[in-house]
Amino acid sequence: MIQQVEAVYEHGLLRPLEPLALTESQRVKLTISDPGSGRSQRDLKLVERARAEIAARQAIPTIEEVRLLLASIPGSLSQDVIAERGDY
């Protein structure tokens, strides 16, 4: 289970700003991020989702498999960027 909550650091302890669905003495793994660090909540959620997808996979694709899949996408990234910017 993954929970994302905000907390305040006070007197050497992290105090969650909302109730947690945890049992007494349950061990957890914390990832600390400063909201002012430049990472948006959307970025953090995307990274969490990607980590969950990777953890759920039976096998991680090799770089060769990734290249093969990417090569099947029509067009080119540079053409898409030029079209999006309106440069000709």
PDB file of N, CA and C in Angstrom:
ATOM      1  N   MET A   1       0.850  -1.172   0.000  1.00  0.00           N
ATOM      2  CA  MET A   1       0.000   0.000   0.000  1.00  0.00           C
ATOM      3  C   MET A   1       0.896   1.235   0.000  1.00  0.00           C
ATOM      4  N   ILE A   2       0.530   2.219  -0.817  1.00  0.00           N
ATOM      5  CA  ILE A   2       1.263   3.477  -0.866  1.00  0.00           C
ATOM      6  C   ILE A   2       0.325   4.589  -0.423  1.00  0.00           C
ATOM      7  N   GLN A   3       0.785   5.379   0.526  1.00  0.00           N
ATOM      8  CA  GLN A   3       0.036   6.543   0.988  1.00  0.00           C
ATOM      9  C   GLN A   3       0.925   7.759   0.811  1.00  0.00           C
ATOM     10  N   GLN A   4       0.322   8.842   0.402  1.00  0.00           N
ATOM     11  CA  GLN A   4       1.077  10.085   0.316  1.00  0.00           C
ATOM     12  C   GLN A   4       0.383  11.095   1.215  1.00  0.00           C
ATOM     13  N   VAL A   5       1.095  11.545   2.233  1.00  0.00           N
ATOM     14  CA  VAL A   5       0.532  12.501   3.181  1.00  0.00           C
ATOM     15  C   VAL A   5       1.557  13.596   3.443  1.00  0.00           C
ATOM     16  N   GLU A   6       1.060  14.740   3.822  1.00  0.00           N
ATOM     17  CA  GLU A   6       1.948  15.825   4.225  1.00  0.00           C
ATOM     18  C   GLU A   6       2.174  15.721   5.723  1.00  0.00           C
ATOM     19  N   ALA A   7       3.357  16.132   6.139  1.00  0.00           N
ATOM     20  CA  ALA A   7       3.700  16.085   7.558  1.00  0.00           C
ATOM     21  C   ALA A   7       4.500  17.332   7.917  1.00  0.00           C
ATOM     22  N   VAL A   8       4.562  17.591   9.219  1.00  0.00           N
ATOM     23  CA  VAL A   8       5.342  18.701   9.741  1.00  0.00           C
ATOM     24  C   VAL A   8       6.417  18.121  10.651  1.00  0.00           C
ATOM     25  N   TYR A   9       7.629  18.632  10.506  1.00  0.00           N
ATOM     26  CA  TYR A   9       8.737  18.196  11.356  1.00  0.00           C
ATOM     27  C   TYR A   9       8.787  19.104  12.573  1.00  0.00           C
ATOM     28  N   GLU A  10       8.552  18.531  13.748  1.00  0.00           N
ATOM     29  CA  GLU A  10       8.544  19.296  14.995  1.00  0.00           C
ATOM     30  C   GLU A  10       9.280  18.535  16.089  1.00  0.00           C
ATOM     31  N   HIS A  11      10.198  19.203  16.740  1.00  0.00           N
ATOM     32  CA  HIS A  11      10.899  18.640  17.897  1.00  0.00           C
ATOM     33  C   HIS A  11      11.489  17.259  17.595  1.00  0.00           C
ATOM     34  N   GLY A  12      12.042  17.096  16.396  1.00  0.00           N
ATOM     35  CA  GLY A  12      12.693  15.846  16.037  1.00  0.00           C
ATOM     36  C   GLY A  12      11.765  14.750  15.561  1.00  0.00           C
ATOM     37  N   LEU A  13      10.473  15.043  15.398  1.00  0.00           N
ATOM     38  CA  LEU A  13       9.502  14.036  14.963  1.00  0.00           C
ATOM     39  C   LEU A  13       8.711  14.537  13.765  1.00  0.00           C
ATOM     40  N   LEU A  14       8.327  13.609  12.894  1.00  0.00           N
ATOM     41  CA  LEU A  14       7.423  13.950  11.803  1.00  0.00           C
ATOM     42  C   LEU A  14       6.000  13.742  12.284  1.00  0.00           C
ATOM     43  N   ARG A  15       5.176  14.778  12.148  1.00  0.00           N
ATOM     44  CA  ARG A  15       3.778  14.693  12.574  1.00  0.00           C
ATOM     45  C   ARG A  15       2.892  14.777  11.332  1.00  0.00           C
ATOM     46  N   PRO A  16       2.208  13.663  10.984  1.00  0.00           N
ATOM     47  CA  PRO A  16       1.318  13.686   9.812  1.00  0.00           C
ATOM     48  C   PRO A  16       0.196  14.696  10.011  1.00  0.00           C
ATOM     49  N   LEU A  17      -0.233  15.330   8.931  1.00  0.00           N
ATOM     50  CA  LEU A  17      -1.292  16.323   8.998  1.00  0.00           C
ATOM     51  C   LEU A  17      -2.672  15.693   8.798  1.00  0.00           C
ATOM     52  N   GLU A  18      -2.713  14.378   8.624  1.00  0.00           N
ATOM     53  CA  GLU A  18      -3.975  13.657   8.519  1.00  0.00           C
ATOM     54  C   GLU A  18      -3.786  12.257   9.111  1.00  0.00           C
ATOM     55  N   PRO A  19      -4.884  11.606   9.485  1.00  0.00           N
ATOM     56  CA  PRO A  19      -4.754  10.260  10.071  1.00  0.00           C
ATOM     57  C   PRO A  19      -4.165   9.258   9.065  1.00  0.00           C
ATOM     58  N   LEU A  20      -3.404   8.305   9.596  1.00  0.00           N
ATOM     59  CA  LEU A  20      -2.794   7.270   8.757  1.00  0.00           C
ATOM     60  C   LEU A  20      -3.447   5.919   9.037  1.00  0.00           C
ATOM     61  N   ALA A  21      -3.632   5.132   7.993  1.00  0.00           N
ATOM     62  CA  ALA A  21      -4.198   3.790   8.147  1.00  0.00           C
ATOM     63  C   ALA A  21      -3.064   2.814   8.466  1.00  0.00           C
ATOM     64  N   LEU A  22      -2.504   2.927   9.672  1.00  0.00           N
ATOM     65  CA  LEU A  22      -1.391   2.081  10.096  1.00  0.00           C
ATOM     66  C   LEU A  22      -1.726   1.446  11.438  1.00  0.00           C
ATOM     67  N   THR A  23      -1.139   0.283  11.670  1.00  0.00           N
ATOM     68  CA  THR A  23      -1.308  -0.348  12.975  1.00  0.00           C
ATOM     69  C   THR A  23      -0.180   0.094  13.894  1.00  0.00           C
ATOM     70  N   GLU A  24      -0.407   0.001  15.169  1.00  0.00           N
ATOM     71  CA  GLU A  24       0.600   0.394  16.157  1.00  0.00           C
ATOM     72  C   GLU A  24       1.879  -0.408  15.936  1.00  0.00           C
ATOM     73  N   SER A  25       3.013   0.260  15.937  1.00  0.00           N
ATOM     74  CA  SER A  25       4.350  -0.316  15.758  1.00  0.00           C
ATOM     75  C   SER A  25       4.611  -0.846  14.351  1.00  0.00           C
ATOM     76  N   GLN A  26       3.731  -0.535  13.406  1.00  0.00           N
ATOM     77  CA  GLN A  26       3.949  -0.970  12.022  1.00  0.00           C
ATOM     78  C   GLN A  26       5.147  -0.228  11.447  1.00  0.00           C
ATOM     79  N   ARG A  27       6.027  -0.971  10.766  1.00  0.00           N
ATOM     80  CA  ARG A  27       7.193  -0.360  10.141  1.00  0.00           C
ATOM     81  C   ARG A  27       6.804   0.132   8.754  1.00  0.00           C
ATOM     82  N   VAL A  28       7.298   1.307   8.386  1.00  0.00           N
ATOM     83  CA  VAL A  28       7.036   1.882   7.076  1.00  0.00           C
ATOM     84  C   VAL A  28       8.338   2.427   6.501  1.00  0.00           C
ATOM     85  N   LYS A  29       8.336   2.697   5.215  1.00  0.00           N
ATOM     86  CA  LYS A  29       9.485   3.290   4.546  1.00  0.00           C
ATOM     87  C   LYS A  29       9.085   4.701   4.127  1.00  0.00           C
ATOM     88  N   LEU A  30       9.864   5.691   4.532  1.00  0.00           N
ATOM     89  CA  LEU A  30       9.553   7.086   4.239  1.00  0.00           C
ATOM     90  C   LEU A  30      10.409   7.603   3.096  1.00  0.00           C
ATOM     91  N   THR A  31       9.795   8.413   2.257  1.00  0.00           N
ATOM     92  CA  THR A  31      10.511   9.182   1.246  1.00  0.00           C
ATOM     93  C   THR A  31      10.207  10.637   1.536  1.00  0.00           C
ATOM     94  N   ILE A  32      11.218  11.401   1.815  1.00  0.00           N
ATOM     95  CA  ILE A  32      11.031  12.795   2.191  1.00  0.00           C
ATOM     96  C   ILE A  32      11.227  13.671   0.962  1.00  0.00           C
ATOM     97  N   SER A  33      10.251  14.527   0.683  1.00  0.00           N
ATOM     98  CA  SER A  33      10.417  15.505  -0.390  1.00  0.00           C
ATOM     99  C   SER A  33       9.893  16.843   0.100  1.00  0.00           C
ATOM    100  N   ASP A  34      10.641  17.864  -0.189  1.00  0.00           N
ATOM    101  CA  ASP A  34      10.272  19.220   0.195  1.00  0.00           C
ATOM    102  C   ASP A  34       9.362  19.771  -0.900  1.00  0.00           C
ATOM    103  N   PRO A  35       8.136  20.198  -0.562  1.00  0.00           N
ATOM    104  CA  PRO A  35       7.248  20.718  -1.600  1.00  0.00           C
ATOM    105  C   PRO A  35       7.865  21.869  -2.385  1.00  0.00           C
ATOM    106  N   GLY A  36       8.805  22.564  -1.807  1.00  0.00           N
ATOM    107  CA  GLY A  36       9.461  23.661  -2.500  1.00  0.00           C
ATOM    108  C   GLY A  36      10.674  23.227  -3.303  1.00  0.00           C
ATOM    109  N   SER A  37      10.876  21.914  -3.468  1.00  0.00           N
ATOM    110  CA  SER A  37      12.076  21.427  -4.131  1.00  0.00           C
ATOM    111  C   SER A  37      12.004  21.503  -5.647  1.00  0.00           C
ATOM    112  N   GLY A  38      10.886  21.998  -6.196  1.00  0.00           N
ATOM    113  CA  GLY A  38      10.772  22.100  -7.643  1.00  0.00           C
ATOM    114  C   GLY A  38       9.996  20.954  -8.258  1.00  0.00           C
ATOM    115  N   ARG A  39       9.763  19.899  -7.522  1.00  0.00           N
ATOM    116  CA  ARG A  39       8.980  18.782  -8.033  1.00  0.00           C
ATOM    117  C   ARG A  39       7.512  19.029  -7.732  1.00  0.00           C
ATOM    118  N   SER A  40       6.700  18.884  -8.738  1.00  0.00           N
ATOM    119  CA  SER A  40       5.273  19.077  -8.528  1.00  0.00           C
ATOM    120  C   SER A  40       4.653  17.778  -8.010  1.00  0.00           C
ATOM    121  N   GLN A  41       3.490  17.901  -7.436  1.00  0.00           N
ATOM    122  CA  GLN A  41       2.759  16.716  -6.974  1.00  0.00           C
ATOM    123  C   GLN A  41       2.486  15.792  -8.150  1.00  0.00           C
ATOM    124  N   ARG A  42       2.214  16.375  -9.329  1.00  0.00           N
ATOM    125  CA  ARG A  42       1.958  15.557 -10.515  1.00  0.00           C
ATOM    126  C   ARG A  42       3.196  14.737 -10.869  1.00  0.00           C
ATOM    127  N   ASP A  43       4.395  15.360 -10.773  1.00  0.00           N
ATOM    128  CA  ASP A  43       5.632  14.627 -11.042  1.00  0.00           C
ATOM    129  C   ASP A  43       5.809  13.477 -10.060  1.00  0.00           C
ATOM    130  N   LEU A  44       5.565  13.745  -8.782  1.00  0.00           N
ATOM    131  CA  LEU A  44       5.723  12.713  -7.767  1.00  0.00           C
ATOM    132  C   LEU A  44       4.747  11.563  -7.993  1.00  0.00           C
ATOM    133  N   LYS A  45       3.515  11.892  -8.358  1.00  0.00           N
ATOM    134  CA  LYS A  45       2.519  10.852  -8.612  1.00  0.00           C
ATOM    135  C   LYS A  45       2.901  10.022  -9.829  1.00  0.00           C
ATOM    136  N   LEU A  46       3.449  10.671 -10.861  1.00  0.00           N
ATOM    137  CA  LEU A  46       3.883   9.949 -12.047  1.00  0.00           C
ATOM    138  C   LEU A  46       5.012   8.981 -11.714  1.00  0.00           C
ATOM    139  N   VAL A  47       5.971   9.445 -10.921  1.00  0.00           N
ATOM    140  CA  VAL A  47       7.086   8.579 -10.525  1.00  0.00           C
ATOM    141  C   VAL A  47       6.574   7.405  -9.686  1.00  0.00           C
ATOM    142  N   GLU A  48       5.667   7.673  -8.754  1.00  0.00           N
ATOM    143  CA  GLU A  48       5.100   6.594  -7.936  1.00  0.00           C
ATOM    144  C   GLU A  48       4.370   5.582  -8.801  1.00  0.00           C
ATOM    145  N   ARG A  49       3.588   6.078  -9.778  1.00  0.00           N
ATOM    146  CA  ARG A  49       2.856   5.172 -10.663  1.00  0.00           C
ATOM    147  C   ARG A  49       3.819   4.318 -11.490  1.00  0.00           C
ATOM    148  N   ALA A  50       4.891   4.950 -11.996  1.00  0.00           N
ATOM    149  CA  ALA A  50       5.878   4.207 -12.777  1.00  0.00           C
ATOM    150  C   ALA A  50       6.560   3.140 -11.924  1.00  0.00           C
ATOM    151  N   ARG A  51       6.909   3.491 -10.690  1.00  0.00           N
ATOM    152  CA  ARG A  51       7.530   2.495  -9.798  1.00  0.00           C
ATOM    153  C   ARG A  51       6.576   1.331  -9.520  1.00  0.00           C
ATOM    154  N   ALA A  52       5.293   1.631  -9.328  1.00  0.00           N
ATOM    155  CA  ALA A  52       4.308   0.577  -9.070  1.00  0.00           C
ATOM    156  C   ALA A  52       4.158  -0.321 -10.295  1.00  0.00           C
ATOM    157  N   GLU A  53       4.142   0.269 -11.485  1.00  0.00           N
ATOM    158  CA  GLU A  53       4.030  -0.529 -12.711  1.00  0.00           C
ATOM    159  C   GLU A  53       5.244  -1.437 -12.884  1.00  0.00           C
ATOM    160  N   ILE A  54       6.421  -0.906 -12.605  1.00  0.00           N
ATOM    161  CA  ILE A  54       7.638  -1.714 -12.721  1.00  0.00           C
ATOM    162  C   ILE A  54       7.616  -2.854 -11.713  1.00  0.00           C
ATOM    163  N   ALA A  55       7.200  -2.560 -10.483  1.00  0.00           N
ATOM    164  CA  ALA A  55       7.154  -3.593  -9.446  1.00  0.00           C
ATOM    165  C   ALA A  55       6.156  -4.690  -9.794  1.00  0.00           C
ATOM    166  N   ALA A  56       5.097  -4.340 -10.528  1.00  0.00           N
ATOM    167  CA  ALA A  56       4.060  -5.315 -10.867  1.00  0.00           C
ATOM    168  C   ALA A  56       4.439  -6.183 -12.069  1.00  0.00           C
ATOM    169  N   ARG A  57       5.437  -5.781 -12.817  1.00  0.00           N
ATOM    170  CA  ARG A  57       5.826  -6.542 -14.015  1.00  0.00           C
ATOM    171  C   ARG A  57       6.520  -7.842 -13.628  1.00  0.00           C
ATOM    172  N   GLN A  58       6.281  -8.859 -14.443  1.00  0.00           N
ATOM    173  CA  GLN A  58       6.953 -10.140 -14.248  1.00  0.00           C
ATOM    174  C   GLN A  58       8.420 -10.052 -14.682  1.00  0.00           C
ATOM    175  N   ALA A  59       8.654  -9.305 -15.777  1.00  0.00           N
ATOM    176  CA  ALA A  59      10.023  -9.168 -16.286  1.00  0.00           C
ATOM    177  C   ALA A  59      10.208  -7.739 -16.790  1.00  0.00           C
ATOM    178  N   ILE A  60      11.364  -7.179 -16.539  1.00  0.00           N
ATOM    179  CA  ILE A  60      11.678  -5.833 -17.006  1.00  0.00           C
ATOM    180  C   ILE A  60      12.195  -5.945 -18.441  1.00  0.00           C
ATOM    181  N   PRO A  61      11.669  -5.130 -19.379  1.00  0.00           N
ATOM    182  CA  PRO A  61      12.139  -5.225 -20.767  1.00  0.00           C
ATOM    183  C   PRO A  61      13.599  -4.794 -20.884  1.00  0.00           C
ATOM    184  N   THR A  62      14.287  -5.398 -21.811  1.00  0.00           N
ATOM    185  CA  THR A  62      15.680  -5.014 -22.068  1.00  0.00           C
ATOM    186  C   THR A  62      15.692  -3.736 -22.884  1.00  0.00           C
ATOM    187  N   ILE A  63      16.837  -3.092 -22.972  1.00  0.00           N
ATOM    188  CA  ILE A  63      16.955  -1.871 -23.767  1.00  0.00           C
ATOM    189  C   ILE A  63      16.673  -2.164 -25.236  1.00  0.00           C
ATOM    190  N   GLU A  64      17.051  -3.344 -25.698  1.00  0.00           N
ATOM    191  CA  GLU A  64      16.788  -3.718 -27.089  1.00  0.00           C
ATOM    192  C   GLU A  64      15.281  -3.818 -27.349  1.00  0.00           C
ATOM    193  N   GLU A  65      14.542  -4.377 -26.396  1.00  0.00           N
ATOM    194  CA  GLU A  65      13.087  -4.469 -26.540  1.00  0.00           C
ATOM    195  C   GLU A  65      12.446  -3.082 -26.551  1.00  0.00           C
ATOM    196  N   VAL A  66      12.949  -2.200 -25.712  1.00  0.00           N
ATOM    197  CA  VAL A  66      12.428  -0.833 -25.675  1.00  0.00           C
ATOM    198  C   VAL A  66      12.706  -0.131 -26.998  1.00  0.00           C
ATOM    199  N   ARG A  67      13.928  -0.262 -27.519  1.00  0.00           N
ATOM    200  CA  ARG A  67      14.273   0.358 -28.807  1.00  0.00           C
ATOM    201  C   ARG A  67      13.394  -0.171 -29.928  1.00  0.00           C
ATOM    202  N   LEU A  68      13.147  -1.457 -29.935  1.00  0.00           N
ATOM    203  CA  LEU A  68      12.297  -2.060 -30.960  1.00  0.00           C
ATOM    204  C   LEU A  68      10.878  -1.487 -30.892  1.00  0.00           C
ATOM    205  N   LEU A  69      10.339  -1.356 -29.687  1.00  0.00           N
ATOM    206  CA  LEU A  69       9.001  -0.792 -29.533  1.00  0.00           C
ATOM    207  C   LEU A  69       8.970   0.685 -29.944  1.00  0.00           C
ATOM    208  N   LEU A  70       9.986   1.445 -29.553  1.00  0.00           N
ATOM    209  CA  LEU A  70      10.029   2.859 -29.919  1.00  0.00           C
ATOM    210  C   LEU A  70      10.179   3.053 -31.426  1.00  0.00           C
ATOM    211  N   ALA A  71      10.922   2.153 -32.075  1.00  0.00           N
ATOM    212  CA  ALA A  71      11.125   2.262 -33.525  1.00  0.00           C
ATOM    213  C   ALA A  71       9.828   2.048 -34.298  1.00  0.00           C
ATOM    214  N   SER A  72       8.852   1.399 -33.675  1.00  0.00           N
ATOM    215  CA  SER A  72       7.580   1.132 -34.371  1.00  0.00           C
ATOM    216  C   SER A  72       6.646   2.344 -34.366  1.00  0.00           C
ATOM    217  N   ILE A  73       7.003   3.406 -33.633  1.00  0.00           N
ATOM    218  CA  ILE A  73       6.183   4.617 -33.590  1.00  0.00           C
ATOM    219  C   ILE A  73       6.454   5.426 -34.849  1.00  0.00           C
ATOM    220  N   PRO A  74       5.403   5.751 -35.625  1.00  0.00           N
ATOM    221  CA  PRO A  74       5.620   6.495 -36.877  1.00  0.00           C
ATOM    222  C   PRO A  74       6.024   7.945 -36.613  1.00  0.00           C
ATOM    223  N   GLY A  75       6.714   8.550 -37.582  1.00  0.00           N
ATOM    224  CA  GLY A  75       7.120   9.946 -37.470  1.00  0.00           C
ATOM    225  C   GLY A  75       8.393  10.077 -36.669  1.00  0.00           C
ATOM    226  N   SER A  76       8.722  11.335 -36.344  1.00  0.00           N
ATOM    227  CA  SER A  76       9.920  11.567 -35.535  1.00  0.00           C
ATOM    228  C   SER A  76       9.615  12.626 -34.491  1.00  0.00           C
ATOM    229  N   LEU A  77      10.339  12.569 -33.406  1.00  0.00           N
ATOM    230  CA  LEU A  77      10.145  13.525 -32.325  1.00  0.00           C
ATOM    231  C   LEU A  77      10.464  14.940 -32.784  1.00  0.00           C
ATOM    232  N   SER A  78      11.527  15.100 -33.568  1.00  0.00           N
ATOM    233  CA  SER A  78      11.892  16.444 -34.024  1.00  0.00           C
ATOM    234  C   SER A  78      10.795  17.037 -34.898  1.00  0.00           C
ATOM    235  N   GLN A  79      10.180  16.228 -35.755  1.00  0.00           N
ATOM    236  CA  GLN A  79       9.072  16.721 -36.582  1.00  0.00           C
ATOM    237  C   GLN A  79       7.899  17.153 -35.703  1.00  0.00           C
ATOM    238  N   ASP A  80       7.612  16.407 -34.669  1.00  0.00           N
ATOM    239  CA  ASP A  80       6.515  16.758 -33.762  1.00  0.00           C
ATOM    240  C   ASP A  80       6.793  18.069 -33.033  1.00  0.00           C
ATOM    241  N   VAL A  81       8.037  18.268 -32.586  1.00  0.00           N
ATOM    242  CA  VAL A  81       8.403  19.497 -31.881  1.00  0.00           C
ATOM    243  C   VAL A  81       8.292  20.689 -32.820  1.00  0.00           C
ATOM    244  N   ILE A  82       8.808  20.543 -34.047  1.00  0.00           N
ATOM    245  CA  ILE A  82       8.738  21.625 -35.022  1.00  0.00           C
ATOM    246  C   ILE A  82       7.293  21.978 -35.332  1.00  0.00           C
ATOM    247  N   ALA A  83       6.450  20.967 -35.519  1.00  0.00           N
ATOM    248  CA  ALA A  83       5.040  21.207 -35.819  1.00  0.00           C
ATOM    249  C   ALA A  83       4.336  21.897 -34.631  1.00  0.00           C
ATOM    250  N   GLU A  84       4.677  21.476 -33.425  1.00  0.00           N
ATOM    251  CA  GLU A  84       4.051  22.055 -32.246  1.00  0.00           C
ATOM    252  C   GLU A  84       4.443  23.517 -32.044  1.00  0.00           C
ATOM    253  N   ARG A  85       5.686  23.837 -32.342  1.00  0.00           N
ATOM    254  CA  ARG A  85       6.168  25.208 -32.173  1.00  0.00           C
ATOM    255  C   ARG A  85       5.769  26.107 -33.340  1.00  0.00           C
ATOM    256  N   GLY A  86       5.407  25.487 -34.450  1.00  0.00           N
ATOM    257  CA  GLY A  86       5.049  26.269 -35.634  1.00  0.00           C
ATOM    258  C   GLY A  86       6.250  26.705 -36.447  1.00  0.00           C
ATOM    259  N   ASP A  87       7.424  26.092 -36.218  1.00  0.00           N
ATOM    260  CA  ASP A  87       8.630  26.420 -36.992  1.00  0.00           C
ATOM    261  C   ASP A  87       8.606  25.654 -38.308  1.00  0.00           C
ATOM    262  N   TYR A  88       8.980  26.349 -39.374  1.00  0.00           N
ATOM    263  CA  TYR A  88       9.041  25.668 -40.677  1.00  0.00           C
ATOM    264  C   TYR A  88      10.319  26.011 -41.374  1.00  0.00           C
TER     265      TYR A  88
END
